[in-house]
PDB file of all heavy atoms in Angstrom:
ATOM      1  N   ILE A   1     -14.705   0.083 -24.835  1.00  0.00           N
ATOM      2  CA  ILE A   1     -14.415   1.480 -25.184  1.00  0.00           C
ATOM      3  C   ILE A   1     -13.325   2.097 -24.301  1.00  0.00           C
ATOM      4  O   ILE A   1     -13.002   3.296 -24.435  1.00  0.00           O
ATOM      5  CB  ILE A   1     -15.704   2.363 -25.118  1.00  0.00           C
ATOM      6  CG1 ILE A   1     -16.274   2.339 -23.688  1.00  0.00           C
ATOM      7  CG2 ILE A   1     -16.734   1.886 -26.099  1.00  0.00           C
ATOM      8  CD1 ILE A   1     -17.444   3.343 -23.476  1.00  0.00           C
ATOM      9  N   MET A   2     -12.733   1.289 -23.428  1.00  0.00           N
ATOM     10  CA  MET A   2     -11.666   1.815 -22.573  1.00  0.00           C
ATOM     11  C   MET A   2     -10.394   2.045 -23.393  1.00  0.00           C
ATOM     12  O   MET A   2     -10.018   1.172 -24.151  1.00  0.00           O
ATOM     13  CB  MET A   2     -11.413   0.819 -21.431  1.00  0.00           C
ATOM     14  CG  MET A   2     -10.264   1.238 -20.513  1.00  0.00           C
ATOM     15  SD  MET A   2      -9.946  -0.016 -19.253  1.00  0.00           S
ATOM     16  CE  MET A   2      -8.147   0.133 -19.112  1.00  0.00           C
ATOM     17  N   PRO A   3      -9.751   3.202 -23.257  1.00  0.00           N
ATOM     18  CA  PRO A   3      -8.519   3.441 -23.981  1.00  0.00           C
ATOM     19  C   PRO A   3      -7.348   2.658 -23.405  1.00  0.00           C
ATOM     20  O   PRO A   3      -7.415   2.144 -22.290  1.00  0.00           O
ATOM     21  CB  PRO A   3      -8.298   4.955 -23.815  1.00  0.00           C
ATOM     22  CG  PRO A   3      -8.990   5.247 -22.503  1.00  0.00           C
ATOM     23  CD  PRO A   3     -10.179   4.346 -22.430  1.00  0.00           C
ATOM     24  N   ALA A   4      -6.275   2.586 -24.158  1.00  0.00           N
ATOM     25  CA  ALA A   4      -5.075   1.923 -23.665  1.00  0.00           C
ATOM     26  C   ALA A   4      -4.574   2.665 -22.419  1.00  0.00           C
ATOM     27  O   ALA A   4      -4.552   3.898 -22.351  1.00  0.00           O
ATOM     28  CB  ALA A   4      -3.990   1.959 -24.742  1.00  0.00           C
ATOM     29  N   ALA A   5      -4.217   1.907 -21.397  1.00  0.00           N
ATOM     30  CA  ALA A   5      -3.832   2.509 -20.146  1.00  0.00           C
ATOM     31  C   ALA A   5      -2.904   1.595 -19.375  1.00  0.00           C
ATOM     32  O   ALA A   5      -2.770   0.382 -19.686  1.00  0.00           O
ATOM     33  CB  ALA A   5      -5.086   2.770 -19.299  1.00  0.00           C
ATOM     34  N   ALA A   6      -2.224   2.169 -18.386  1.00  0.00           N
ATOM     35  CA  ALA A   6      -1.436   1.408 -17.434  1.00  0.00           C
ATOM     36  C   ALA A   6      -2.001   1.660 -16.046  1.00  0.00           C
ATOM     37  O   ALA A   6      -2.415   2.786 -15.713  1.00  0.00           O
ATOM     38  CB  ALA A   6       0.023   1.857 -17.494  1.00  0.00           C
ATOM     39  N   GLY A   7      -2.023   0.627 -15.210  1.00  0.00           N
ATOM     40  CA  GLY A   7      -2.605   0.767 -13.869  1.00  0.00           C
ATOM     41  C   GLY A   7      -1.871  -0.063 -12.869  1.00  0.00           C
ATOM     42  O   GLY A   7      -1.204  -1.030 -13.197  1.00  0.00           O
ATOM     43  N   ILE A   8      -1.970   0.340 -11.581  1.00  0.00           N
ATOM     44  CA  ILE A   8      -1.211  -0.319 -10.543  1.00  0.00           C
ATOM     45  C   ILE A   8      -1.899  -0.168  -9.202  1.00  0.00           C
ATOM     46  O   ILE A   8      -2.629   0.819  -8.956  1.00  0.00           O
ATOM     47  CB  ILE A   8       0.209   0.328 -10.461  1.00  0.00           C
ATOM     48  CG1 ILE A   8       1.085  -0.476  -9.451  1.00  0.00           C
ATOM     49  CG2 ILE A   8       0.154   1.792 -10.201  1.00  0.00           C
ATOM     50  CD1 ILE A   8       2.558  -0.088  -9.563  1.00  0.00           C
ATOM     51  N   ALA A   9      -1.726  -1.170  -8.329  1.00  0.00           N
ATOM     52  CA  ALA A   9      -2.242  -1.152  -6.987  1.00  0.00           C
ATOM     53  C   ALA A   9      -1.090  -1.311  -5.989  1.00  0.00           C
ATOM     54  O   ALA A   9      -0.224  -2.168  -6.223  1.00  0.00           O
ATOM     55  CB  ALA A   9      -3.262  -2.247  -6.777  1.00  0.00           C
ATOM     56  N   LEU A  10      -1.043  -0.471  -4.981  1.00  0.00           N
ATOM     57  CA  LEU A  10       0.001  -0.489  -3.958  1.00  0.00           C
ATOM     58  C   LEU A  10      -0.665  -0.692  -2.591  1.00  0.00           C
ATOM     59  O   LEU A  10      -1.619  -0.030  -2.249  1.00  0.00           O
ATOM     60  CB  LEU A  10       0.808   0.801  -4.009  1.00  0.00           C
ATOM     61  CG  LEU A  10       1.980   0.940  -3.020  1.00  0.00           C
ATOM     62  CD1 LEU A  10       3.094   1.783  -3.639  1.00  0.00           C
ATOM     63  CD2 LEU A  10       1.526   1.623  -1.718  1.00  0.00           C
ATOM     64  N   GLY A  11      -0.111  -1.626  -1.823  1.00  0.00           N
ATOM     65  CA  GLY A  11      -0.547  -1.828  -0.466  1.00  0.00           C
ATOM     66  C   GLY A  11      -0.093  -0.710   0.434  1.00  0.00           C
ATOM     67  O   GLY A  11       1.054  -0.712   0.901  1.00  0.00           O
ATOM     68  N   PHE A  12      -0.959   0.279   0.666  1.00  0.00           N
ATOM     69  CA  PHE A  12      -0.544   1.479   1.388  1.00  0.00           C
ATOM     70  C   PHE A  12      -0.132   1.181   2.801  1.00  0.00           C
ATOM     71  O   PHE A  12       0.849   1.698   3.320  1.00  0.00           O
ATOM     72  CB  PHE A  12      -1.660   2.512   1.349  1.00  0.00           C
ATOM     73  CG  PHE A  12      -1.323   3.784   2.090  1.00  0.00           C
ATOM     74  CD1 PHE A  12      -0.306   4.612   1.628  1.00  0.00           C
ATOM     75  CD2 PHE A  12      -1.969   4.140   3.242  1.00  0.00           C
ATOM     76  CE1 PHE A  12       0.043   5.779   2.297  1.00  0.00           C
ATOM     77  CE2 PHE A  12      -1.637   5.309   3.944  1.00  0.00           C
ATOM     78  CZ  PHE A  12      -0.633   6.124   3.480  1.00  0.00           C
ATOM     79  N   ASP A  13      -0.871   0.318   3.496  1.00  0.00           N
ATOM     80  CA  ASP A  13      -0.538  -0.037   4.875  1.00  0.00           C
ATOM     81  C   ASP A  13       0.842  -0.672   4.945  1.00  0.00           C
ATOM     82  O   ASP A  13       1.629  -0.417   5.870  1.00  0.00           O
ATOM     83  CB  ASP A  13      -1.583  -0.987   5.474  1.00  0.00           C
ATOM     84  CG  ASP A  13      -2.965  -0.548   5.204  1.00  0.00           C
ATOM     85  OD1 ASP A  13      -3.500   0.308   5.963  1.00  0.00           O
ATOM     86  OD2 ASP A  13      -3.583  -1.009   4.227  1.00  0.00           O
ATOM     87  N   ARG A  14       1.145  -1.533   3.966  1.00  0.00           N
ATOM     88  CA  ARG A  14       2.463  -2.189   3.949  1.00  0.00           C
ATOM     89  C   ARG A  14       3.584  -1.157   3.754  1.00  0.00           C
ATOM     90  O   ARG A  14       4.638  -1.255   4.406  1.00  0.00           O
ATOM     91  CB  ARG A  14       2.549  -3.242   2.845  1.00  0.00           C
ATOM     92  CG  ARG A  14       1.805  -4.525   3.146  1.00  0.00           C
ATOM     93  CD  ARG A  14       2.123  -5.557   2.072  1.00  0.00           C
ATOM     94  NE  ARG A  14       1.430  -6.809   2.330  1.00  0.00           N
ATOM     95  CZ  ARG A  14       1.545  -7.924   1.631  1.00  0.00           C
ATOM     96  NH1 ARG A  14       2.346  -7.915   0.562  1.00  0.00           N
ATOM     97  NH2 ARG A  14       0.884  -8.987   1.926  1.00  0.00           N
ATOM     98  N   LEU A  15       3.374  -0.182   2.885  1.00  0.00           N
ATOM     99  CA  LEU A  15       4.368   0.838   2.680  1.00  0.00           C
ATOM    100  C   LEU A  15       4.637   1.607   3.982  1.00  0.00           C
ATOM    101  O   LEU A  15       5.769   1.851   4.371  1.00  0.00           O
ATOM    102  CB  LEU A  15       3.936   1.805   1.569  1.00  0.00           C
ATOM    103  CG  LEU A  15       4.881   2.972   1.291  1.00  0.00           C
ATOM    104  CD1 LEU A  15       6.250   2.467   0.853  1.00  0.00           C
ATOM    105  CD2 LEU A  15       4.283   3.883   0.259  1.00  0.00           C
ATOM    106  N   VAL A  16       3.528   1.958   4.677  1.00  0.00           N
ATOM    107  CA  VAL A  16       3.685   2.679   5.961  1.00  0.00           C
ATOM    108  C   VAL A  16       4.388   1.801   6.969  1.00  0.00           C
ATOM    109  O   VAL A  16       5.261   2.246   7.708  1.00  0.00           O
ATOM    110  CB  VAL A  16       2.316   3.114   6.479  1.00  0.00           C
ATOM    111  CG1 VAL A  16       2.428   3.724   7.892  1.00  0.00           C
ATOM    112  CG2 VAL A  16       1.670   4.127   5.532  1.00  0.00           C
ATOM    113  N   MET A  17       4.042   0.539   7.010  1.00  0.00           N
ATOM    114  CA  MET A  17       4.634  -0.412   7.926  1.00  0.00           C
ATOM    115  C   MET A  17       6.164  -0.497   7.741  1.00  0.00           C
ATOM    116  O   MET A  17       6.918  -0.427   8.704  1.00  0.00           O
ATOM    117  CB  MET A  17       3.976  -1.786   7.651  1.00  0.00           C
ATOM    118  CG  MET A  17       4.458  -2.924   8.512  1.00  0.00           C
ATOM    119  SD  MET A  17       3.598  -4.438   7.963  1.00  0.00           S
ATOM    120  CE  MET A  17       4.652  -5.641   8.705  1.00  0.00           C
ATOM    121  N   LEU A  18       6.606  -0.567   6.477  1.00  0.00           N
ATOM    122  CA  LEU A  18       8.054  -0.656   6.230  1.00  0.00           C
ATOM    123  C   LEU A  18       8.723   0.666   6.469  1.00  0.00           C
ATOM    124  O   LEU A  18       9.874   0.713   6.904  1.00  0.00           O
ATOM    125  CB  LEU A  18       8.293  -1.135   4.798  1.00  0.00           C
ATOM    126  CG  LEU A  18       8.430  -2.672   4.615  1.00  0.00           C
ATOM    127  CD1 LEU A  18       7.165  -3.411   5.072  1.00  0.00           C
ATOM    128  CD2 LEU A  18       8.772  -3.025   3.155  1.00  0.00           C
ATOM    129  N   ALA A  19       8.007   1.764   6.181  1.00  0.00           N
ATOM    130  CA  ALA A  19       8.624   3.090   6.389  1.00  0.00           C
ATOM    131  C   ALA A  19       8.791   3.411   7.852  1.00  0.00           C
ATOM    132  O   ALA A  19       9.743   4.129   8.228  1.00  0.00           O
ATOM    133  CB  ALA A  19       7.720   4.176   5.731  1.00  0.00           C
ATOM    134  N   THR A  20       7.914   2.900   8.727  1.00  0.00           N
ATOM    135  CA  THR A  20       8.000   3.186  10.145  1.00  0.00           C
ATOM    136  C   THR A  20       8.731   2.080  10.913  1.00  0.00           C
ATOM    137  O   THR A  20       9.011   2.269  12.129  1.00  0.00           O
ATOM    138  CB  THR A  20       6.587   3.329  10.744  1.00  0.00           C
ATOM    139  OG1 THR A  20       5.845   2.133  10.527  1.00  0.00           O
ATOM    140  CG2 THR A  20       5.874   4.506  10.100  1.00  0.00           C
ATOM    141  N   GLY A  21       9.001   0.941  10.265  1.00  0.00           N
ATOM    142  CA  GLY A  21       9.618  -0.169  10.952  1.00  0.00           C
ATOM    143  C   GLY A  21       8.660  -0.946  11.860  1.00  0.00           C
ATOM    144  O   GLY A  21       9.121  -1.739  12.710  1.00  0.00           O
ATOM    145  N   ALA A  22       7.361  -0.787  11.662  1.00  0.00           N
ATOM    146  CA  ALA A  22       6.377  -1.535  12.477  1.00  0.00           C
ATOM    147  C   ALA A  22       6.456  -3.016  12.151  1.00  0.00           C
ATOM    148  O   ALA A  22       6.633  -3.381  10.978  1.00  0.00           O
ATOM    149  CB  ALA A  22       4.983  -0.991  12.217  1.00  0.00           C
ATOM    150  N   PRO A  23       6.309  -3.902  13.146  1.00  0.00           N
ATOM    151  CA  PRO A  23       6.415  -5.320  12.882  1.00  0.00           C
ATOM    152  C   PRO A  23       5.155  -5.957  12.296  1.00  0.00           C
ATOM    153  O   PRO A  23       5.255  -7.039  11.702  1.00  0.00           O
ATOM    154  CB  PRO A  23       6.689  -5.919  14.279  1.00  0.00           C
ATOM    155  CG  PRO A  23       6.086  -4.925  15.209  1.00  0.00           C
ATOM    156  CD  PRO A  23       6.222  -3.574  14.589  1.00  0.00           C
ATOM    157  N   ARG A  24       3.997  -5.319  12.462  1.00  0.00           N
ATOM    158  CA  ARG A  24       2.744  -5.938  11.972  1.00  0.00           C
ATOM    159  C   ARG A  24       1.887  -4.851  11.298  1.00  0.00           C
ATOM    160  O   ARG A  24       1.870  -3.698  11.692  1.00  0.00           O
ATOM    161  CB  ARG A  24       1.968  -6.570  13.100  1.00  0.00           C
ATOM    162  CG  ARG A  24       2.645  -7.771  13.758  1.00  0.00           C
ATOM    163  CD  ARG A  24       1.755  -8.373  14.848  1.00  0.00           C
ATOM    164  NE  ARG A  24       0.473  -8.868  14.297  1.00  0.00           N
ATOM    165  CZ  ARG A  24       0.336 -10.046  13.717  1.00  0.00           C
ATOM    166  NH1 ARG A  24       1.355 -10.866  13.602  1.00  0.00           N
ATOM    167  NH2 ARG A  24      -0.861 -10.411  13.241  1.00  0.00           N
ATOM    168  N   ILE A  25       1.126  -5.282  10.295  1.00  0.00           N
ATOM    169  CA  ILE A  25       0.283  -4.346   9.547  1.00  0.00           C
ATOM    170  C   ILE A  25      -0.759  -3.700  10.467  1.00  0.00           C
ATOM    171  O   ILE A  25      -1.121  -2.514  10.284  1.00  0.00           O
ATOM    172  CB  ILE A  25      -0.389  -5.093   8.356  1.00  0.00           C
ATOM    173  CG1 ILE A  25      -0.927  -4.038   7.375  1.00  0.00           C
ATOM    174  CG2 ILE A  25      -1.420  -6.070   8.810  1.00  0.00           C
ATOM    175  CD1 ILE A  25      -1.357  -4.642   6.027  1.00  0.00           C
ATOM    176  N   ASP A  26      -1.279  -4.434  11.479  1.00  0.00           N
ATOM    177  CA  ASP A  26      -2.280  -3.860  12.371  1.00  0.00           C
ATOM    178  C   ASP A  26      -1.743  -2.661  13.154  1.00  0.00           C
ATOM    179  O   ASP A  26      -2.520  -1.817  13.623  1.00  0.00           O
ATOM    180  CB  ASP A  26      -2.770  -4.918  13.345  1.00  0.00           C
ATOM    181  CG  ASP A  26      -3.790  -5.873  12.729  1.00  0.00           C
ATOM    182  OD1 ASP A  26      -4.136  -5.703  11.546  1.00  0.00           O
ATOM    183  OD2 ASP A  26      -4.236  -6.799  13.413  1.00  0.00           O
ATOM    184  N   ASP A  27      -0.420  -2.589  13.291  1.00  0.00           N
ATOM    185  CA  ASP A  27       0.179  -1.467  14.055  1.00  0.00           C
ATOM    186  C   ASP A  27       0.008  -0.148  13.321  1.00  0.00           C
ATOM    187  O   ASP A  27       0.149   0.933  13.948  1.00  0.00           O
ATOM    188  CB  ASP A  27       1.656  -1.731  14.286  1.00  0.00           C
ATOM    189  CG  ASP A  27       1.910  -2.911  15.240  1.00  0.00           C
ATOM    190  OD1 ASP A  27       1.066  -3.106  16.135  1.00  0.00           O
ATOM    191  OD2 ASP A  27       2.888  -3.627  15.052  1.00  0.00           O
ATOM    192  N   VAL A  28      -0.239  -0.147  11.976  1.00  0.00           N
ATOM    193  CA  VAL A  28      -0.357   1.101  11.255  1.00  0.00           C
ATOM    194  C   VAL A  28      -1.740   1.327  10.700  1.00  0.00           C
ATOM    195  O   VAL A  28      -1.939   2.180   9.825  1.00  0.00           O
ATOM    196  CB  VAL A  28       0.706   1.168  10.125  1.00  0.00           C
ATOM    197  CG1 VAL A  28       2.113   1.146  10.704  1.00  0.00           C
ATOM    198  CG2 VAL A  28       0.539   0.017   9.118  1.00  0.00           C
ATOM    199  N   ILE A  29      -2.722   0.567  11.178  1.00  0.00           N
ATOM    200  CA  ILE A  29      -4.120   0.732  10.838  1.00  0.00           C
ATOM    201  C   ILE A  29      -4.819   1.357  12.024  1.00  0.00           C
ATOM    202  O   ILE A  29      -4.738   0.874  13.135  1.00  0.00           O
ATOM    203  CB  ILE A  29      -4.783  -0.615  10.436  1.00  0.00           C
ATOM    204  CG1 ILE A  29      -4.130  -1.148   9.170  1.00  0.00           C
ATOM    205  CG2 ILE A  29      -6.302  -0.425  10.266  1.00  0.00           C
ATOM    206  CD1 ILE A  29      -4.631  -2.529   8.789  1.00  0.00           C
ATOM    207  N   TRP A  30      -5.516   2.505  11.785  1.00  0.00           N
ATOM    208  CA  TRP A  30      -6.059   3.269  12.912  1.00  0.00           C
ATOM    209  C   TRP A  30      -6.966   2.402  13.832  1.00  0.00           C
ATOM    210  O   TRP A  30      -6.839   2.481  15.038  1.00  0.00           O
ATOM    211  CB  TRP A  30      -6.835   4.468  12.387  1.00  0.00           C
ATOM    212  CG  TRP A  30      -5.967   5.638  12.116  1.00  0.00           C
ATOM    213  CD1 TRP A  30      -5.364   6.016  10.970  1.00  0.00           C
ATOM    214  CD2 TRP A  30      -5.558   6.657  13.098  1.00  0.00           C
ATOM    215  NE1 TRP A  30      -4.630   7.167  11.103  1.00  0.00           N
ATOM    216  CE2 TRP A  30      -4.713   7.580  12.398  1.00  0.00           C
ATOM    217  CE3 TRP A  30      -5.823   6.842  14.417  1.00  0.00           C
ATOM    218  CZ2 TRP A  30      -4.152   8.672  13.045  1.00  0.00           C
ATOM    219  CZ3 TRP A  30      -5.273   7.965  15.076  1.00  0.00           C
ATOM    220  CH2 TRP A  30      -4.419   8.843  14.369  1.00  0.00           C
TER     221      TRP A  30
END
């Protein structure tokens, strides 16, 4: 019964990592 849809998943930590220039994902996880 699900209607037609589009969906997406984004790695939020990776986006923050690249936006801040951090070298490792752990650097942007609290």
